[in-house]
Amino acid sequence: MFHLFPHKTRKVAPKIVHNLSTNLDGRNFKYKFVQSPAAHSVRLRVSMQKGLEIIVPRRFHLDHAQEIVEEHQDWIIKQLHKLEQKKQLRDAHQLQDGAQMTVLGQPHTIKIIELPKGKKPFVKRVQKLEFSDDSAAVAGHEFHVYCDGTMKQAKAALEKYLRKIAEKYFAKHTATMAQEMGVTFNNITVRGQKTRWGSCTREKNLNFNWRLIMLPLPVAESVVIHELAHTIHMNHSKAFYGLVERFCPDYRKLQKHLHNPQFLV
């Protein structure tokens, strides 16, 4: 006869997190000293969300914190500088009133204008003029984003507007480029893929990422050529790249702009 007993789960000691600060490289900064039962050795970690964390086994006393900081100060300083640069880059690409963005090769300034409650958000593209005694000249371009004032609605309205610009651009430019290359295609779809800039199906349907219009124009054009070349070669063979480079000699150089771009929307 068997007797069944409830399984006893082993209690795991919780992490103990200490919020500390120290002087390093002539500056005062905060960090977390984490005593973890899962840690078997000292581990340092730097992230955008939590900053510097020093993770140690539970047996490590708080008195060792400053000692660890001083022992790894060169690495810490280097990583914190990298983190600051990332934060600056992120802040520079936050959608806000006065932010700058480039669309189809032209710089634009974002103006966020609050609408009365209940009004539908929309966007207008405005030319900024400079007047002289007897004439006026275009001094710049602006996107006026009319919304409830929140960044969520501003982003949604601006993305909807930019998708329409992208649809017109790819419809026109792809047709022109296809004629020049002597190829044909069927349908064009503009999407917001997270990992792809473009694609081509066996039915010669082309898909383009709408965010391409915020990259330098030659880069967007190179993606169009790339996908049109797939209507002939459904691979990345020498023949495929030969066709691409025939119409875009700087293709490999332009590809570098497709890695880790920063966008407002």
Protein backbone atom coordinates (compact mmCIF):
# COMPACT_ATOMS: atom_id res chain seq x y z
CA MET A 1 0.00 0.00 0.00
CA PHE A 2 1.36 3.40 -1.04
CA HIS A 3 0.86 6.57 0.94
CA LEU A 4 0.86 9.80 -1.01
CA PHE A 5 2.19 12.90 0.68
CA PRO A 6 2.08 16.42 -0.69
CA HIS A 7 5.37 17.43 -2.29
CA LYS A 8 7.24 19.95 -0.20
CA THR A 9 8.69 22.77 -2.25
CA ARG A 10 12.04 24.09 -1.21
CA LYS A 11 11.96 27.70 -0.17
CA VAL A 12 14.43 29.84 -2.07
CA ALA A 13 15.86 32.83 -0.27
CA PRO A 14 14.93 36.08 -1.98
CA LYS A 15 17.38 38.49 -3.55
CA ILE A 16 18.49 41.40 -1.43
CA VAL A 17 18.92 44.61 -3.41
CA HIS A 18 20.87 47.56 -2.00
CA ASN A 19 20.73 50.94 -3.74
CA LEU A 20 24.18 52.48 -3.38
CA SER A 21 26.21 55.34 -4.82
CA THR A 22 29.90 56.05 -5.24
CA ASN A 23 32.36 58.49 -6.78
CA LEU A 24 34.02 57.30 -9.94
CA ASP A 25 35.86 59.18 -12.66
CA GLY A 26 35.15 62.42 -10.83
CA ARG A 27 31.40 61.82 -10.82
CA ASN A 28 28.82 60.46 -8.42
CA PHE A 29 26.62 57.66 -9.75
CA LYS A 30 24.09 55.22 -8.35
CA TYR A 31 24.16 51.44 -8.71
CA LYS A 32 22.50 48.33 -7.31
CA PHE A 33 24.32 45.74 -5.18
CA VAL A 34 22.33 42.52 -5.51
CA GLN A 35 22.89 39.60 -3.13
CA SER A 36 21.41 36.63 -5.00
CA PRO A 37 21.16 32.98 -3.88
CA ALA A 38 21.41 31.96 -7.55
CA ALA A 39 24.75 33.72 -8.06
CA HIS A 40 27.93 31.63 -7.80
CA SER A 41 30.38 34.44 -8.53
CA VAL A 42 30.55 38.21 -8.93
CA ARG A 43 28.82 39.47 -12.07
CA LEU A 44 28.53 43.05 -13.33
CA ARG A 45 25.73 44.07 -15.65
CA VAL A 46 24.82 47.40 -17.29
CA SER A 47 21.43 47.97 -18.93
CA MET A 48 19.31 50.89 -20.10
CA GLN A 49 16.54 50.01 -17.65
CA LYS A 50 18.52 49.33 -14.46
CA GLY A 51 21.88 50.99 -14.97
CA LEU A 52 24.80 49.26 -13.22
CA GLU A 53 24.07 46.11 -11.20
CA ILE A 54 26.68 44.20 -9.21
CA ILE A 55 25.31 40.70 -8.61
CA VAL A 56 27.03 38.62 -5.93
CA PRO A 57 26.36 35.41 -3.96
CA ARG A 58 24.39 35.84 -0.74
CA ARG A 59 27.51 35.23 1.34
CA PHE A 60 29.11 38.45 0.04
CA HIS A 61 28.75 41.20 2.61
CA LEU A 62 27.72 44.73 1.70
CA ASP A 63 31.17 45.92 2.82
CA HIS A 64 32.63 44.37 -0.36
CA ALA A 65 30.62 46.66 -2.68
CA GLN A 66 33.13 49.51 -2.93
CA GLU A 67 35.99 47.05 -3.26
CA ILE A 68 34.32 45.44 -6.28
CA VAL A 69 33.62 48.83 -7.86
CA GLU A 70 37.26 49.89 -7.54
CA GLU A 71 38.51 46.56 -8.89
CA HIS A 72 36.39 46.87 -12.04
CA GLN A 73 36.35 50.65 -12.37
CA ASP A 74 37.88 50.76 -15.89
CA TRP A 75 35.23 48.40 -17.25
CA ILE A 76 32.45 50.22 -15.39
CA ILE A 77 33.50 53.65 -16.69
CA LYS A 78 33.66 52.33 -20.26
CA GLN A 79 30.22 50.72 -20.04
CA LEU A 80 28.61 53.76 -18.42
CA HIS A 81 29.97 55.99 -21.20
CA LYS A 82 28.44 53.63 -23.77
CA LEU A 83 25.14 53.71 -21.86
CA GLU A 84 25.11 57.51 -21.86
CA GLN A 85 25.67 57.57 -25.60
CA LYS A 86 22.77 55.16 -26.12
CA LYS A 87 20.50 57.32 -23.95
CA GLN A 88 21.48 60.46 -25.86
CA LEU A 89 20.77 58.71 -29.16
CA ARG A 90 17.43 57.47 -27.85
CA ASP A 91 16.43 60.92 -26.54
CA ALA A 92 17.41 62.52 -29.86
CA HIS A 93 14.96 60.20 -31.62
CA GLN A 94 11.97 60.70 -29.34
CA LEU A 95 8.89 62.12 -31.01
CA GLN A 96 8.23 65.53 -29.50
CA ASP A 97 7.44 69.06 -30.52
CA GLY A 98 10.41 70.49 -32.40
CA ALA A 99 11.94 67.09 -33.24
CA GLN A 100 13.65 66.66 -36.61
CA MET A 101 13.05 63.89 -39.11
CA THR A 102 13.93 63.28 -42.75
CA VAL A 103 11.35 62.00 -45.24
CA LEU A 104 12.25 61.26 -48.86
CA GLY A 105 15.52 63.10 -48.44
CA GLN A 106 13.98 66.31 -47.06
CA PRO A 107 14.40 67.41 -43.42
CA HIS A 108 11.18 68.19 -41.56
CA THR A 109 10.42 69.73 -38.18
CA ILE A 110 7.62 68.20 -36.10
CA LYS A 111 5.01 70.56 -34.67
CA ILE A 112 2.52 68.96 -32.28
CA ILE A 113 -0.72 70.92 -32.02
CA GLU A 114 -3.33 69.93 -29.46
CA LEU A 115 -6.90 69.45 -30.67
CA PRO A 116 -10.09 69.89 -28.66
CA LYS A 117 -11.38 66.64 -27.17
CA GLY A 118 -13.32 64.45 -29.57
CA LYS A 119 -11.62 65.78 -32.71
CA LYS A 120 -10.06 63.27 -35.08
CA PRO A 121 -6.22 63.50 -35.29
CA PHE A 122 -4.61 64.41 -38.62
CA VAL A 123 -1.33 65.63 -40.10
CA LYS A 124 -0.50 68.44 -42.51
CA ARG A 125 2.74 68.99 -44.38
CA VAL A 126 3.60 72.69 -44.37
CA GLN A 127 6.26 74.65 -46.20
CA LYS A 128 8.00 77.21 -44.03
CA LEU A 129 8.56 80.43 -45.99
CA GLU A 130 11.03 83.26 -45.57
CA PHE A 131 9.97 86.63 -46.95
CA SER A 132 12.22 89.33 -48.36
CA ASP A 133 11.22 92.72 -49.74
CA ASP A 134 9.63 91.42 -52.92
CA SER A 135 9.74 87.60 -52.79
CA ALA A 136 9.33 84.49 -50.65
CA ALA A 137 11.46 81.36 -50.54
CA VAL A 138 10.97 77.93 -49.00
CA ALA A 139 13.05 77.82 -45.82
CA GLY A 140 12.07 74.37 -44.65
CA HIS A 141 9.31 71.80 -44.24
CA GLU A 142 7.18 70.93 -41.24
CA PHE A 143 4.76 68.18 -40.26
CA HIS A 144 1.93 69.68 -38.19
CA VAL A 145 0.53 66.83 -36.10
CA TYR A 146 -2.93 67.66 -34.75
CA CYS A 147 -3.83 65.32 -31.87
CA ASP A 148 -4.91 65.16 -28.23
CA GLY A 149 -1.39 66.07 -27.13
CA THR A 150 -0.29 62.56 -26.17
CA MET A 151 2.71 60.98 -27.87
CA LYS A 152 0.72 57.78 -28.47
CA GLN A 153 -1.84 59.55 -30.63
CA ALA A 154 0.79 61.76 -32.27
CA LYS A 155 2.79 58.68 -33.32
CA ALA A 156 -0.30 56.91 -34.65
CA ALA A 157 -1.39 59.93 -36.70
CA LEU A 158 2.09 60.55 -38.08
CA GLU A 159 2.61 56.88 -38.98
CA LYS A 160 -0.71 56.78 -40.86
CA TYR A 161 0.29 59.89 -42.81
CA LEU A 162 3.80 58.61 -43.60
CA ARG A 163 2.45 55.24 -44.78
CA LYS A 164 0.41 57.09 -47.42
CA ILE A 165 3.53 58.95 -48.56
CA ALA A 166 5.38 55.62 -48.74
CA GLU A 167 2.60 53.99 -50.78
CA LYS A 168 2.75 56.78 -53.39
CA TYR A 169 6.54 56.73 -53.48
CA PHE A 170 6.89 52.97 -53.95
CA ALA A 171 4.09 52.79 -56.52
CA LYS A 172 5.73 55.45 -58.67
CA HIS A 173 9.40 54.63 -58.16
CA THR A 174 9.01 50.84 -58.49
CA ALA A 175 7.15 51.19 -61.81
CA THR A 176 9.85 53.52 -63.15
CA MET A 177 12.68 51.27 -61.98
CA ALA A 178 11.02 48.10 -63.29
CA GLN A 179 10.78 49.63 -66.75
CA GLU A 180 14.44 50.63 -66.62
CA MET A 181 15.48 47.11 -65.51
CA GLY A 182 13.21 45.41 -68.02
CA VAL A 183 11.32 43.38 -65.40
CA THR A 184 7.69 43.07 -64.35
CA PHE A 185 5.88 42.75 -61.04
CA ASN A 186 2.31 42.36 -59.84
CA ASN A 187 1.17 44.01 -56.60
CA ILE A 188 2.94 46.31 -54.15
CA THR A 189 2.17 46.25 -50.43
CA VAL A 190 3.56 48.70 -47.87
CA ARG A 191 3.94 47.22 -44.40
CA GLY A 192 5.60 47.89 -41.05
CA GLN A 193 7.72 44.76 -40.66
CA LYS A 194 10.02 44.60 -37.66
CA THR A 195 12.78 42.57 -39.31
CA ARG A 196 12.45 43.10 -43.06
CA TRP A 197 12.95 46.05 -45.38
CA GLY A 198 11.37 44.33 -48.34
CA SER A 199 10.43 41.01 -49.91
CA CYS A 200 9.32 39.46 -53.17
CA THR A 201 7.05 36.43 -53.59
CA ARG A 202 7.16 33.84 -56.36
CA GLU A 203 4.05 35.53 -57.76
CA LYS A 204 6.15 38.73 -58.12
CA ASN A 205 4.27 40.56 -55.39
CA LEU A 206 6.52 43.11 -53.70
CA ASN A 207 6.44 44.24 -50.07
CA PHE A 208 8.25 47.31 -48.76
CA ASN A 209 8.72 48.64 -45.24
CA TRP A 210 7.22 52.13 -45.05
CA ARG A 211 10.07 53.32 -42.79
CA LEU A 212 12.42 53.18 -45.79
CA ILE A 213 11.25 56.68 -46.72
CA MET A 214 13.01 57.99 -43.59
CA LEU A 215 16.39 56.67 -44.78
CA PRO A 216 18.56 58.41 -47.41
CA LEU A 217 16.82 58.16 -50.79
CA PRO A 218 19.58 56.11 -52.46
CA VAL A 219 19.10 53.49 -49.72
CA ALA A 220 15.35 53.21 -50.35
CA GLU A 221 16.03 53.03 -54.09
CA SER A 222 18.56 50.23 -53.57
CA VAL A 223 15.93 48.14 -51.75
CA VAL A 224 13.52 48.63 -54.65
CA ILE A 225 16.21 47.41 -57.07
CA HIS A 226 16.99 44.47 -54.76
CA GLU A 227 13.38 43.27 -54.70
CA LEU A 228 12.85 43.83 -58.43
CA ALA A 229 15.93 41.70 -59.08
CA HIS A 230 14.18 38.90 -57.16
CA THR A 231 11.47 38.83 -59.82
CA ILE A 232 14.16 37.27 -62.04
CA HIS A 233 16.36 35.50 -59.48
CA MET A 234 14.60 34.08 -56.40
CA ASN A 235 17.94 33.67 -54.62
CA HIS A 236 21.10 35.55 -53.70
CA SER A 237 23.30 34.08 -56.39
CA LYS A 238 26.09 35.79 -58.33
CA ALA A 239 23.63 36.39 -61.14
CA PHE A 240 21.26 38.11 -58.68
CA TYR A 241 23.93 40.44 -57.29
CA GLY A 242 25.21 41.07 -60.79
CA LEU A 243 21.76 42.39 -61.76
CA VAL A 244 21.49 44.49 -58.59
CA GLU A 245 24.93 46.05 -59.00
CA ARG A 246 24.28 46.77 -62.65
CA PHE A 247 21.58 49.26 -61.63
CA CYS A 248 22.97 50.13 -58.19
CA PRO A 249 26.81 50.01 -58.18
CA ASP A 250 26.97 51.26 -54.57
CA TYR A 251 24.56 48.62 -53.32
CA ARG A 252 26.90 47.04 -50.77
CA LYS A 253 27.90 50.42 -49.34
CA LEU A 254 24.26 51.55 -49.09
CA GLN A 255 23.34 48.33 -47.25
CA LYS A 256 25.18 49.59 -44.16
CA HIS A 257 22.44 52.19 -43.62
CA LEU A 258 19.94 49.39 -43.09
CA HIS A 259 21.57 48.24 -39.85
CA ASN A 260 20.24 49.64 -36.54
CA PRO A 261 18.53 52.81 -37.82
CA GLN A 262 16.83 55.18 -35.39
CA PHE A 263 13.29 56.42 -36.11
CA LEU A 264 10.85 58.77 -34.43
CA VAL A 265 7.91 56.50 -35.27
